[in-house]
Amino acid sequence: MGTRQTYRLSLIRACEIAGGEAALASHLGLSAQDVVDYVAGAKDVPMHVFLKAVDIVFKDNYEKIARNTALLDEIRERRARAQEVCQGNLNRRHPGAQ
C-alpha cells in the first residue's frame, strides 16, 4: 500500500470516528468539499491533514485500549477472587493440601 493510499485510508477512518466528512472538516478547519476530495482521491491529502487525522485515529484507538485494559483488570481480579475461594474450599475439605 502506497503512502497516498495510507493517507487517504487514515482520513477515511478519521471521518468514521468524527461522524462524517462535515464533522471532520469542522474539526480540522477545512471545508467539507476538501475532505470529500481527499477521501475520494481527487486531491492528495496534505501532510498536516494526515497528521491531524492520525491523531484522531490514535486517540480513538487509545481510548478503546484503555477500556479493554480496564476490563482485563476486572477479569483478572474476578479470577483471583475465584481462585482464593476455590483454594479456601479445598483447604477446608482437605486440610494440609496445597
C-alpha atoms as a PDB file:
ATOM      1  CA  MET A   1       0.000   0.000   0.000  1.00  0.00           C
ATOM      2  CA  GLY A   2       1.464   3.331  -1.028  1.00  0.00           C
ATOM      3  CA  THR A   3       1.777   6.498   1.011  1.00  0.00           C
ATOM      4  CA  ARG A   4      -1.059   8.204  -0.845  1.00  0.00           C
ATOM      5  CA  GLN A   5      -3.392   5.284  -0.070  1.00  0.00           C
ATOM      6  CA  THR A   6      -2.291   5.241   3.582  1.00  0.00           C
ATOM      7  CA  TYR A   7      -3.065   8.963   3.925  1.00  0.00           C
ATOM      8  CA  ARG A   8      -6.458   8.507   2.280  1.00  0.00           C
ATOM      9  CA  LEU A   9      -7.427   5.491   4.390  1.00  0.00           C
ATOM     10  CA  SER A  10      -6.372   7.299   7.558  1.00  0.00           C
ATOM     11  CA  LEU A  11      -8.607  10.200   6.596  1.00  0.00           C
ATOM     12  CA  ILE A  12     -11.495   7.819   5.889  1.00  0.00           C
ATOM     13  CA  ARG A  13     -11.099   6.274   9.343  1.00  0.00           C
ATOM     14  CA  ALA A  14     -10.967   9.730  10.929  1.00  0.00           C
ATOM     15  CA  CYS A  15     -14.232  10.539   9.096  1.00  0.00           C
ATOM     16  CA  GLU A  16     -15.853   7.464  10.605  1.00  0.00           C
ATOM     17  CA  ILE A  17     -14.696   8.418  14.083  1.00  0.00           C
ATOM     18  CA  ALA A  18     -15.686  12.073  13.734  1.00  0.00           C
ATOM     19  CA  GLY A  19     -19.144  11.250  12.406  1.00  0.00           C
ATOM     20  CA  GLY A  20     -18.759  12.113   8.740  1.00  0.00           C
ATOM     21  CA  GLU A  21     -16.995  14.436   6.355  1.00  0.00           C
ATOM     22  CA  ALA A  22     -18.632  17.636   7.623  1.00  0.00           C
ATOM     23  CA  ALA A  23     -17.801  16.882  11.254  1.00  0.00           C
ATOM     24  CA  LEU A  24     -14.220  16.019  10.369  1.00  0.00           C
ATOM     25  CA  ALA A  25     -13.896  19.125   8.204  1.00  0.00           C
ATOM     26  CA  SER A  26     -15.073  21.263  11.110  1.00  0.00           C
ATOM     27  CA  HIS A  27     -12.614  19.581  13.463  1.00  0.00           C
ATOM     28  CA  LEU A  28      -9.732  20.044  11.023  1.00  0.00           C
ATOM     29  CA  GLY A  29     -10.656  23.588   9.993  1.00  0.00           C
ATOM     30  CA  LEU A  30     -11.244  22.564   6.386  1.00  0.00           C
ATOM     31  CA  SER A  31     -14.160  22.769   4.015  1.00  0.00           C
ATOM     32  CA  ALA A  32     -16.313  19.673   3.736  1.00  0.00           C
ATOM     33  CA  GLN A  33     -15.578  19.682  -0.002  1.00  0.00           C
ATOM     34  CA  ASP A  34     -11.831  19.446   0.652  1.00  0.00           C
ATOM     35  CA  VAL A  35     -12.382  16.442   2.905  1.00  0.00           C
ATOM     36  CA  VAL A  36     -14.599  14.804   0.283  1.00  0.00           C
ATOM     37  CA  ASP A  37     -11.954  15.459  -2.380  1.00  0.00           C
ATOM     38  CA  TYR A  38      -9.223  13.953  -0.182  1.00  0.00           C
ATOM     39  CA  VAL A  39     -11.296  10.894   0.681  1.00  0.00           C
ATOM     40  CA  ALA A  40     -12.321  10.359  -2.938  1.00  0.00           C
ATOM     41  CA  GLY A  41      -8.711  10.622  -4.083  1.00  0.00           C
ATOM     42  CA  ALA A  42      -9.391  13.693  -6.220  1.00  0.00           C
ATOM     43  CA  LYS A  43      -6.757  15.602  -4.238  1.00  0.00           C
ATOM     44  CA  ASP A  44      -3.710  14.387  -2.367  1.00  0.00           C
ATOM     45  CA  VAL A  45      -4.026  14.581   1.413  1.00  0.00           C
ATOM     46  CA  PRO A  46      -1.573  17.201   2.718  1.00  0.00           C
ATOM     47  CA  MET A  47       0.833  16.072   5.417  1.00  0.00           C
ATOM     48  CA  HIS A  48      -0.660  18.370   8.080  1.00  0.00           C
ATOM     49  CA  VAL A  49      -4.161  16.987   7.401  1.00  0.00           C
ATOM     50  CA  PHE A  50      -2.860  13.425   7.512  1.00  0.00           C
ATOM     51  CA  LEU A  51      -1.141  14.054  10.852  1.00  0.00           C
ATOM     52  CA  LYS A  52      -4.311  15.521  12.352  1.00  0.00           C
ATOM     53  CA  ALA A  53      -6.280  12.536  11.054  1.00  0.00           C
ATOM     54  CA  VAL A  54      -3.751  10.163  12.611  1.00  0.00           C
ATOM     55  CA  ASP A  55      -4.146  11.987  15.931  1.00  0.00           C
ATOM     56  CA  ILE A  56      -7.910  11.376  15.790  1.00  0.00           C
ATOM     57  CA  VAL A  57      -7.460   7.709  14.919  1.00  0.00           C
ATOM     58  CA  PHE A  58      -4.790   7.220  17.572  1.00  0.00           C
ATOM     59  CA  LYS A  59      -6.903   8.878  20.266  1.00  0.00           C
ATOM     60  CA  ASP A  60      -9.865   6.649  19.378  1.00  0.00           C
ATOM     61  CA  ASN A  61      -7.665   3.539  19.469  1.00  0.00           C
ATOM     62  CA  TYR A  62      -6.072   4.631  22.750  1.00  0.00           C
ATOM     63  CA  GLU A  63      -9.491   5.081  24.366  1.00  0.00           C
ATOM     64  CA  LYS A  64     -10.540   1.608  23.187  1.00  0.00           C
ATOM     65  CA  ILE A  65      -7.322   0.097  24.531  1.00  0.00           C
ATOM     66  CA  ALA A  66      -7.844   1.856  27.866  1.00  0.00           C
ATOM     67  CA  ARG A  67     -11.390   0.458  28.112  1.00  0.00           C
ATOM     68  CA  ASN A  68     -10.126  -3.022  27.203  1.00  0.00           C
ATOM     69  CA  THR A  69      -7.333  -2.753  29.746  1.00  0.00           C
ATOM     70  CA  ALA A  70      -9.823  -1.794  32.461  1.00  0.00           C
ATOM     71  CA  LEU A  71     -11.981  -4.767  31.503  1.00  0.00           C
ATOM     72  CA  LEU A  72      -8.959  -7.060  31.551  1.00  0.00           C
ATOM     73  CA  ASP A  73      -8.057  -5.796  35.032  1.00  0.00           C
ATOM     74  CA  GLU A  74     -11.599  -6.549  36.233  1.00  0.00           C
ATOM     75  CA  ILE A  75     -11.416 -10.059  34.774  1.00  0.00           C
ATOM     76  CA  ARG A  76      -8.064 -10.673  36.457  1.00  0.00           C
ATOM     77  CA  GLU A  77      -9.471  -9.501  39.802  1.00  0.00           C
ATOM     78  CA  ARG A  78     -12.508 -11.792  39.483  1.00  0.00           C
ATOM     79  CA  ARG A  79     -10.231 -14.694  38.570  1.00  0.00           C
ATOM     80  CA  ALA A  80      -8.001 -14.052  41.583  1.00  0.00           C
ATOM     81  CA  ARG A  81     -11.039 -13.912  43.900  1.00  0.00           C
ATOM     82  CA  ALA A  82     -12.402 -17.126  42.399  1.00  0.00           C
ATOM     83  CA  GLN A  83      -9.044 -18.842  42.913  1.00  0.00           C
ATOM     84  CA  GLU A  84      -8.988 -17.680  46.542  1.00  0.00           C
ATOM     85  CA  VAL A  85     -12.469 -19.103  47.082  1.00  0.00           C
ATOM     86  CA  CYS A  86     -11.517 -22.394  45.432  1.00  0.00           C
ATOM     87  CA  GLN A  87      -8.335 -22.617  47.473  1.00  0.00           C
ATOM     88  CA  GLY A  88     -10.306 -21.909  50.651  1.00  0.00           C
ATOM     89  CA  ASN A  89     -12.818 -24.623  49.776  1.00  0.00           C
ATOM     90  CA  LEU A  90     -10.001 -27.069  49.036  1.00  0.00           C
ATOM     91  CA  ASN A  91      -8.259 -26.258  52.329  1.00  0.00           C
ATOM     92  CA  ARG A  92     -11.482 -26.821  54.278  1.00  0.00           C
ATOM     93  CA  ARG A  93     -12.121 -30.170  52.562  1.00  0.00           C
ATOM     94  CA  HIS A  94      -8.529 -31.382  52.646  1.00  0.00           C
ATOM     95  CA  PRO A  95      -6.565 -29.718  55.434  1.00  0.00           C
ATOM     96  CA  GLY A  96      -2.885 -29.545  54.597  1.00  0.00           C
ATOM     97  CA  ALA A  97      -3.483 -29.726  50.818  1.00  0.00           C
ATOM     98  CA  GLN A  98      -1.721 -27.127  48.703  1.00  0.00           C
END
